[in-house]
Amino acid sequence: MLNISQKREVFHRALLSSGLVKRLATPRTEEEGERYMIMVQGEPLSKTILQERRKLKTSVFYVHRTTGEAARSEFIPPSSV
């Protein structure tokens, strides 16, 4: 059985080999500077993001619990809210 670190590595390799991602980002550190709020006009940004995601065909990756094999599944979200 794979530990969490091994499962993460299998998942990352599957993302890279599928072409969905070209590189994996490194975790953010405190040294990179502070974040700050900005004002956005119009509807809330979170609502816009959700609307855009619903339009996209999405691939879902998962790792089998016992074998550690990575798999890909196509998912098309419903167009209605």
PDB file of N, CA and C in Angstrom:
ATOM      1  N   MET A   1       0.837  -1.173   0.000  1.00  0.00           N
ATOM      2  CA  MET A   1       0.000   0.000   0.000  1.00  0.00           C
ATOM      3  C   MET A   1       0.890   1.248   0.000  1.00  0.00           C
ATOM      4  N   LEU A   2       0.520   2.217  -0.776  1.00  0.00           N
ATOM      5  CA  LEU A   2       1.320   3.433  -0.903  1.00  0.00           C
ATOM      6  C   LEU A   2       1.030   4.411   0.230  1.00  0.00           C
ATOM      7  N   ASN A   3       2.086   5.094   0.674  1.00  0.00           N
ATOM      8  CA  ASN A   3       1.861   6.146   1.668  1.00  0.00           C
ATOM      9  C   ASN A   3       1.423   7.418   0.948  1.00  0.00           C
ATOM     10  N   ILE A   4       1.081   8.445   1.697  1.00  0.00           N
ATOM     11  CA  ILE A   4       0.529   9.666   1.110  1.00  0.00           C
ATOM     12  C   ILE A   4       1.517  10.346   0.170  1.00  0.00           C
ATOM     13  N   SER A   5       2.791  10.313   0.509  1.00  0.00           N
ATOM     14  CA  SER A   5       3.813  10.931  -0.340  1.00  0.00           C
ATOM     15  C   SER A   5       3.922  10.197  -1.680  1.00  0.00           C
ATOM     16  N   GLN A   6       3.870   8.878  -1.642  1.00  0.00           N
ATOM     17  CA  GLN A   6       3.934   8.086  -2.871  1.00  0.00           C
ATOM     18  C   GLN A   6       2.689   8.303  -3.726  1.00  0.00           C
ATOM     19  N   LYS A   7       1.528   8.387  -3.089  1.00  0.00           N
ATOM     20  CA  LYS A   7       0.285   8.642  -3.826  1.00  0.00           C
ATOM     21  C   LYS A   7       0.340   9.996  -4.518  1.00  0.00           C
ATOM     22  N   ARG A   8       0.855  10.988  -3.812  1.00  0.00           N
ATOM     23  CA  ARG A   8       0.979  12.332  -4.384  1.00  0.00           C
ATOM     24  C   ARG A   8       1.917  12.304  -5.593  1.00  0.00           C
ATOM     25  N   GLU A   9       3.026  11.569  -5.479  1.00  0.00           N
ATOM     26  CA  GLU A   9       3.987  11.472  -6.583  1.00  0.00           C
ATOM     27  C   GLU A   9       3.351  10.806  -7.808  1.00  0.00           C
ATOM     28  N   VAL A  10       2.589   9.745  -7.602  1.00  0.00           N
ATOM     29  CA  VAL A  10       1.897   9.070  -8.710  1.00  0.00           C
ATOM     30  C   VAL A  10       0.908  10.025  -9.363  1.00  0.00           C
ATOM     31  N   PHE A  11       0.169  10.749  -8.557  1.00  0.00           N
ATOM     32  CA  PHE A  11      -0.803  11.716  -9.063  1.00  0.00           C
ATOM     33  C   PHE A  11      -0.115  12.809  -9.879  1.00  0.00           C
ATOM     34  N   HIS A  12       0.981  13.343  -9.358  1.00  0.00           N
ATOM     35  CA  HIS A  12       1.711  14.393 -10.070  1.00  0.00           C
ATOM     36  C   HIS A  12       2.268  13.887 -11.396  1.00  0.00           C
ATOM     37  N   ARG A  13       2.803  12.667 -11.405  1.00  0.00           N
ATOM     38  CA  ARG A  13       3.314  12.102 -12.664  1.00  0.00           C
ATOM     39  C   ARG A  13       2.198  11.932 -13.680  1.00  0.00           C
ATOM     40  N   ALA A  14       1.007  11.532 -13.212  1.00  0.00           N
ATOM     41  CA  ALA A  14      -0.133  11.363 -14.118  1.00  0.00           C
ATOM     42  C   ALA A  14      -0.544  12.700 -14.720  1.00  0.00           C
ATOM     43  N   LEU A  15      -0.557  13.750 -13.922  1.00  0.00           N
ATOM     44  CA  LEU A  15      -0.895  15.080 -14.434  1.00  0.00           C
ATOM     45  C   LEU A  15       0.109  15.537 -15.487  1.00  0.00           C
ATOM     46  N   LEU A  16       1.385  15.339 -15.213  1.00  0.00           N
ATOM     47  CA  LEU A  16       2.425  15.753 -16.151  1.00  0.00           C
ATOM     48  C   LEU A  16       2.381  14.935 -17.436  1.00  0.00           C
ATOM     49  N   SER A  17       2.244  13.620 -17.316  1.00  0.00           N
ATOM     50  CA  SER A  17       2.257  12.767 -18.507  1.00  0.00           C
ATOM     51  C   SER A  17       1.021  12.959 -19.375  1.00  0.00           C
ATOM     52  N   SER A  18      -0.089  13.369 -18.778  1.00  0.00           N
ATOM     53  CA  SER A  18      -1.310  13.589 -19.555  1.00  0.00           C
ATOM     54  C   SER A  18      -1.267  14.901 -20.325  1.00  0.00           C
ATOM     55  N   GLY A  19      -0.373  15.793 -19.916  1.00  0.00           N
ATOM     56  CA  GLY A  19      -0.290  17.085 -20.574  1.00  0.00           C
ATOM     57  C   GLY A  19      -1.203  18.138 -19.974  1.00  0.00           C
ATOM     58  N   LEU A  20      -1.942  17.788 -18.925  1.00  0.00           N
ATOM     59  CA  LEU A  20      -2.816  18.774 -18.286  1.00  0.00           C
ATOM     60  C   LEU A  20      -2.022  19.874 -17.600  1.00  0.00           C
ATOM     61  N   VAL A  21      -0.857  19.524 -17.100  1.00  0.00           N
ATOM     62  CA  VAL A  21       0.030  20.528 -16.509  1.00  0.00           C
ATOM     63  C   VAL A  21       1.417  20.364 -17.108  1.00  0.00           C
ATOM     64  N   LYS A  22       2.129  21.474 -17.236  1.00  0.00           N
ATOM     65  CA  LYS A  22       3.483  21.436 -17.788  1.00  0.00           C
ATOM     66  C   LYS A  22       4.533  21.405 -16.694  1.00  0.00           C
ATOM     67  N   ARG A  23       4.189  21.974 -15.545  1.00  0.00           N
ATOM     68  CA  ARG A  23       5.092  21.938 -14.396  1.00  0.00           C
ATOM     69  C   ARG A  23       4.259  22.051 -13.128  1.00  0.00           C
ATOM     70  N   LEU A  24       4.821  21.579 -12.046  1.00  0.00           N
ATOM     71  CA  LEU A  24       4.144  21.662 -10.760  1.00  0.00           C
ATOM     72  C   LEU A  24       4.698  22.851  -9.993  1.00  0.00           C
ATOM     73  N   ALA A  25       3.821  23.661  -9.467  1.00  0.00           N
ATOM     74  CA  ALA A  25       4.238  24.835  -8.700  1.00  0.00           C
ATOM     75  C   ALA A  25       4.788  24.408  -7.349  1.00  0.00           C
ATOM     76  N   THR A  26       5.766  25.144  -6.888  1.00  0.00           N
ATOM     77  CA  THR A  26       6.302  24.879  -5.557  1.00  0.00           C
ATOM     78  C   THR A  26       5.417  25.577  -4.531  1.00  0.00           C
ATOM     79  N   PRO A  27       5.307  25.013  -3.343  1.00  0.00           N
ATOM     80  CA  PRO A  27       4.466  25.637  -2.318  1.00  0.00           C
ATOM     81  C   PRO A  27       4.946  27.054  -1.996  1.00  0.00           C
ATOM     82  N   ARG A  28       4.015  27.909  -1.717  1.00  0.00           N
ATOM     83  CA  ARG A  28       4.308  29.306  -1.394  1.00  0.00           C
ATOM     84  C   ARG A  28       4.947  29.400  -0.014  1.00  0.00           C
ATOM     85  N   THR A  29       5.924  30.277   0.112  1.00  0.00           N
ATOM     86  CA  THR A  29       6.562  30.491   1.411  1.00  0.00           C
ATOM     87  C   THR A  29       6.217  31.886   1.914  1.00  0.00           C
ATOM     88  N   GLU A  30       6.393  32.095   3.182  1.00  0.00           N
ATOM     89  CA  GLU A  30       6.113  33.399   3.782  1.00  0.00           C
ATOM     90  C   GLU A  30       7.045  34.473   3.236  1.00  0.00           C
ATOM     91  N   GLU A  31       8.220  34.087   2.762  1.00  0.00           N
ATOM     92  CA  GLU A  31       9.203  35.046   2.281  1.00  0.00           C
ATOM     93  C   GLU A  31       8.792  35.708   0.971  1.00  0.00           C
ATOM     94  N   GLU A  32       7.807  35.187   0.291  1.00  0.00           N
ATOM     95  CA  GLU A  32       7.404  35.709  -1.008  1.00  0.00           C
ATOM     96  C   GLU A  32       6.595  36.997  -0.912  1.00  0.00           C
ATOM     97  N   GLY A  33       6.315  37.458   0.262  1.00  0.00           N
ATOM     98  CA  GLY A  33       5.574  38.705   0.421  1.00  0.00           C
ATOM     99  C   GLY A  33       4.152  38.462   0.880  1.00  0.00           C
ATOM    100  N   GLU A  34       3.571  39.528   1.370  1.00  0.00           N
ATOM    101  CA  GLU A  34       2.211  39.436   1.879  1.00  0.00           C
ATOM    102  C   GLU A  34       1.191  39.608   0.764  1.00  0.00           C
ATOM    103  N   ARG A  35       0.029  39.018   0.948  1.00  0.00           N
ATOM    104  CA  ARG A  35      -1.080  39.199   0.015  1.00  0.00           C
ATOM    105  C   ARG A  35      -1.923  40.366   0.495  1.00  0.00           C
ATOM    106  N   TYR A  36      -2.625  40.996  -0.417  1.00  0.00           N
ATOM    107  CA  TYR A  36      -3.487  42.101  -0.035  1.00  0.00           C
ATOM    108  C   TYR A  36      -4.768  42.054  -0.852  1.00  0.00           C
ATOM    109  N   MET A  37      -5.807  42.641  -0.311  1.00  0.00           N
ATOM    110  CA  MET A  37      -7.119  42.649  -0.951  1.00  0.00           C
ATOM    111  C   MET A  37      -7.161  43.698  -2.055  1.00  0.00           C
ATOM    112  N   ILE A  38      -7.919  43.405  -3.114  1.00  0.00           N
ATOM    113  CA  ILE A  38      -8.167  44.387  -4.162  1.00  0.00           C
ATOM    114  C   ILE A  38      -9.674  44.513  -4.338  1.00  0.00           C
ATOM    115  N   MET A  39     -10.117  45.632  -4.833  1.00  0.00           N
ATOM    116  CA  MET A  39     -11.538  45.854  -5.085  1.00  0.00           C
ATOM    117  C   MET A  39     -11.852  45.432  -6.521  1.00  0.00           C
ATOM    118  N   VAL A  40     -12.931  44.673  -6.690  1.00  0.00           N
ATOM    119  CA  VAL A  40     -13.353  44.206  -8.007  1.00  0.00           C
ATOM    120  C   VAL A  40     -14.749  44.746  -8.267  1.00  0.00           C
ATOM    121  N   GLN A  41     -14.937  45.361  -9.430  1.00  0.00           N
ATOM    122  CA  GLN A  41     -16.254  45.887  -9.781  1.00  0.00           C
ATOM    123  C   GLN A  41     -17.074  44.795 -10.456  1.00  0.00           C
ATOM    124  N   GLY A  42     -18.389  44.885 -10.330  1.00  0.00           N
ATOM    125  CA  GLY A  42     -19.272  43.901 -10.944  1.00  0.00           C
ATOM    126  C   GLY A  42     -19.627  42.803  -9.963  1.00  0.00           C
ATOM    127  N   GLU A  43     -20.018  41.648 -10.516  1.00  0.00           N
ATOM    128  CA  GLU A  43     -20.418  40.546  -9.641  1.00  0.00           C
ATOM    129  C   GLU A  43     -19.195  39.968  -8.936  1.00  0.00           C
ATOM    130  N   PRO A  44     -19.407  39.247  -7.838  1.00  0.00           N
ATOM    131  CA  PRO A  44     -18.282  38.683  -7.091  1.00  0.00           C
ATOM    132  C   PRO A  44     -17.423  37.771  -7.969  1.00  0.00           C
ATOM    133  N   LEU A  45     -16.120  37.840  -7.780  1.00  0.00           N
ATOM    134  CA  LEU A  45     -15.188  37.039  -8.565  1.00  0.00           C
ATOM    135  C   LEU A  45     -15.472  35.546  -8.412  1.00  0.00           C
ATOM    136  N   SER A  46     -15.847  35.113  -7.214  1.00  0.00           N
ATOM    137  CA  SER A  46     -16.129  33.695  -6.996  1.00  0.00           C
ATOM    138  C   SER A  46     -17.285  33.222  -7.877  1.00  0.00           C
ATOM    139  N   LYS A  47     -18.280  34.061  -8.074  1.00  0.00           N
ATOM    140  CA  LYS A  47     -19.415  33.708  -8.931  1.00  0.00           C
ATOM    141  C   LYS A  47     -18.964  33.579 -10.386  1.00  0.00           C
ATOM    142  N   THR A  48     -18.124  34.500 -10.841  1.00  0.00           N
ATOM    143  CA  THR A  48     -17.595  34.450 -12.206  1.00  0.00           C
ATOM    144  C   THR A  48     -16.785  33.179 -12.423  1.00  0.00           C
ATOM    145  N   ILE A  49     -15.947  32.825 -11.462  1.00  0.00           N
ATOM    146  CA  ILE A  49     -15.128  31.616 -11.569  1.00  0.00           C
ATOM    147  C   ILE A  49     -16.012  30.385 -11.676  1.00  0.00           C
ATOM    148  N   LEU A  50     -17.036  30.290 -10.838  1.00  0.00           N
ATOM    149  CA  LEU A  50     -17.939  29.138 -10.886  1.00  0.00           C
ATOM    150  C   LEU A  50     -18.654  29.044 -12.228  1.00  0.00           C
ATOM    151  N   GLN A  51     -19.096  30.169 -12.771  1.00  0.00           N
ATOM    152  CA  GLN A  51     -19.773  30.169 -14.069  1.00  0.00           C
ATOM    153  C   GLN A  51     -18.837  29.681 -15.172  1.00  0.00           C
ATOM    154  N   GLU A  52     -17.596  30.130 -15.155  1.00  0.00           N
ATOM    155  CA  GLU A  52     -16.631  29.712 -16.170  1.00  0.00           C
ATOM    156  C   GLU A  52     -16.305  28.228 -16.045  1.00  0.00           C
ATOM    157  N   ARG A  53     -16.181  27.731 -14.836  1.00  0.00           N
ATOM    158  CA  ARG A  53     -15.880  26.310 -14.633  1.00  0.00           C
ATOM    159  C   ARG A  53     -17.007  25.425 -15.142  1.00  0.00           C
ATOM    160  N   ARG A  54     -18.234  25.875 -15.009  1.00  0.00           N
ATOM    161  CA  ARG A  54     -19.375  25.077 -15.471  1.00  0.00           C
ATOM    162  C   ARG A  54     -19.384  24.937 -16.988  1.00  0.00           C
ATOM    163  N   LYS A  55     -18.752  25.860 -17.684  1.00  0.00           N
ATOM    164  CA  LYS A  55     -18.710  25.818 -19.147  1.00  0.00           C
ATOM    165  C   LYS A  55     -17.688  24.807 -19.662  1.00  0.00           C
ATOM    166  N   LEU A  56     -16.730  24.450 -18.850  1.00  0.00           N
ATOM    167  CA  LEU A  56     -15.609  23.634 -19.299  1.00  0.00           C
ATOM    168  C   LEU A  56     -15.859  22.142 -19.137  1.00  0.00           C
ATOM    169  N   LYS A  57     -15.295  21.386 -20.042  1.00  0.00           N
ATOM    170  CA  LYS A  57     -15.241  19.937 -19.898  1.00  0.00           C
ATOM    171  C   LYS A  57     -14.041  19.667 -18.994  1.00  0.00           C
ATOM    172  N   THR A  58     -14.225  18.876 -17.980  1.00  0.00           N
ATOM    173  CA  THR A  58     -13.194  18.686 -16.974  1.00  0.00           C
ATOM    174  C   THR A  58     -12.714  17.246 -16.953  1.00  0.00           C
ATOM    175  N   SER A  59     -11.404  17.063 -16.798  1.00  0.00           N
ATOM    176  CA  SER A  59     -10.835  15.743 -16.585  1.00  0.00           C
ATOM    177  C   SER A  59     -10.556  15.585 -15.103  1.00  0.00           C
ATOM    178  N   VAL A  60     -10.961  14.469 -14.557  1.00  0.00           N
ATOM    179  CA  VAL A  60     -10.743  14.194 -13.147  1.00  0.00           C
ATOM    180  C   VAL A  60      -9.716  13.076 -13.044  1.00  0.00           C
ATOM    181  N   PHE A  61      -8.688  13.278 -12.228  1.00  0.00           N
ATOM    182  CA  PHE A  61      -7.681  12.252 -12.009  1.00  0.00           C
ATOM    183  C   PHE A  61      -7.862  11.667 -10.624  1.00  0.00           C
ATOM    184  N   TYR A  62      -7.631  10.380 -10.532  1.00  0.00           N
ATOM    185  CA  TYR A  62      -7.678   9.750  -9.226  1.00  0.00           C
ATOM    186  C   TYR A  62      -6.658   8.631  -9.188  1.00  0.00           C
ATOM    187  N   VAL A  63      -6.253   8.261  -7.983  1.00  0.00           N
ATOM    188  CA  VAL A  63      -5.284   7.191  -7.787  1.00  0.00           C
ATOM    189  C   VAL A  63      -5.989   6.064  -7.052  1.00  0.00           C
ATOM    190  N   HIS A  64      -5.897   4.840  -7.610  1.00  0.00           N
ATOM    191  CA  HIS A  64      -6.525   3.679  -6.994  1.00  0.00           C
ATOM    192  C   HIS A  64      -5.906   3.434  -5.620  1.00  0.00           C
ATOM    193  N   ARG A  65      -6.752   3.213  -4.626  1.00  0.00           N
ATOM    194  CA  ARG A  65      -6.310   3.116  -3.236  1.00  0.00           C
ATOM    195  C   ARG A  65      -5.314   1.982  -2.999  1.00  0.00           C
ATOM    196  N   THR A  66      -5.512   0.827  -3.597  1.00  0.00           N
ATOM    197  CA  THR A  66      -4.636  -0.307  -3.295  1.00  0.00           C
ATOM    198  C   THR A  66      -3.515  -0.499  -4.302  1.00  0.00           C
ATOM    199  N   THR A  67      -3.779  -0.242  -5.571  1.00  0.00           N
ATOM    200  CA  THR A  67      -2.746  -0.475  -6.584  1.00  0.00           C
ATOM    201  C   THR A  67      -1.868   0.735  -6.834  1.00  0.00           C
ATOM    202  N   GLY A  68      -2.364   1.920  -6.525  1.00  0.00           N
ATOM    203  CA  GLY A  68      -1.595   3.132  -6.773  1.00  0.00           C
ATOM    204  C   GLY A  68      -1.623   3.578  -8.218  1.00  0.00           C
ATOM    205  N   GLU A  69      -2.417   2.902  -9.054  1.00  0.00           N
ATOM    206  CA  GLU A  69      -2.497   3.273 -10.463  1.00  0.00           C
ATOM    207  C   GLU A  69      -3.323   4.545 -10.631  1.00  0.00           C
ATOM    208  N   ALA A  70      -2.834   5.416 -11.499  1.00  0.00           N
ATOM    209  CA  ALA A  70      -3.552   6.665 -11.772  1.00  0.00           C
ATOM    210  C   ALA A  70      -4.520   6.436 -12.922  1.00  0.00           C
ATOM    211  N   ALA A  71      -5.666   7.082 -12.860  1.00  0.00           N
ATOM    212  CA  ALA A  71      -6.666   6.961 -13.916  1.00  0.00           C
ATOM    213  C   ALA A  71      -7.259   8.333 -14.194  1.00  0.00           C
ATOM    214  N   ARG A  72      -7.831   8.474 -15.376  1.00  0.00           N
ATOM    215  CA  ARG A  72      -8.435   9.739 -15.783  1.00  0.00           C
ATOM    216  C   ARG A  72      -9.882   9.485 -16.166  1.00  0.00           C
ATOM    217  N   SER A  73     -10.754  10.374 -15.771  1.00  0.00           N
ATOM    218  CA  SER A  73     -12.165  10.248 -16.086  1.00  0.00           C
ATOM    219  C   SER A  73     -12.665  11.575 -16.623  1.00  0.00           C
ATOM    220  N   GLU A  74     -13.434  11.537 -17.698  1.00  0.00           N
ATOM    221  CA  GLU A  74     -14.002  12.760 -18.266  1.00  0.00           C
ATOM    222  C   GLU A  74     -15.275  13.115 -17.512  1.00  0.00           C
ATOM    223  N   PHE A  75     -15.455  14.373 -17.237  1.00  0.00           N
ATOM    224  CA  PHE A  75     -16.636  14.844 -16.531  1.00  0.00           C
ATOM    225  C   PHE A  75     -17.102  16.127 -17.190  1.00  0.00           C
ATOM    226  N   ILE A  76     -18.360  16.174 -17.578  1.00  0.00           N
ATOM    227  CA  ILE A  76     -18.929  17.385 -18.158  1.00  0.00           C
ATOM    228  C   ILE A  76     -19.964  17.908 -17.173  1.00  0.00           C
ATOM    229  N   PRO A  77     -19.672  19.050 -16.528  1.00  0.00           N
ATOM    230  CA  PRO A  77     -20.610  19.570 -15.540  1.00  0.00           C
ATOM    231  C   PRO A  77     -21.929  19.990 -16.168  1.00  0.00           C
ATOM    232  N   PRO A  78     -23.020  19.913 -15.418  1.00  0.00           N
ATOM    233  CA  PRO A  78     -24.317  20.330 -15.958  1.00  0.00           C
ATOM    234  C   PRO A  78     -24.312  21.826 -16.259  1.00  0.00           C
ATOM    235  N   SER A  79     -25.051  22.222 -17.287  1.00  0.00           N
ATOM    236  CA  SER A  79     -25.066  23.631 -17.673  1.00  0.00           C
ATOM    237  C   SER A  79     -25.981  24.458 -16.784  1.00  0.00           C
ATOM    238  N   SER A  80     -26.907  23.813 -16.103  1.00  0.00           N
ATOM    239  CA  SER A  80     -27.804  24.562 -15.216  1.00  0.00           C
ATOM    240  C   SER A  80     -27.147  24.781 -13.864  1.00  0.00           C
ATOM    241  N   VAL A  81     -27.577  25.838 -13.184  1.00  0.00           N
ATOM    242  CA  VAL A  81     -26.989  26.185 -11.881  1.00  0.00           C
ATOM    243  C   VAL A  81     -27.584  25.355 -10.796  1.00  0.00           C
TER     244      VAL A  81
END
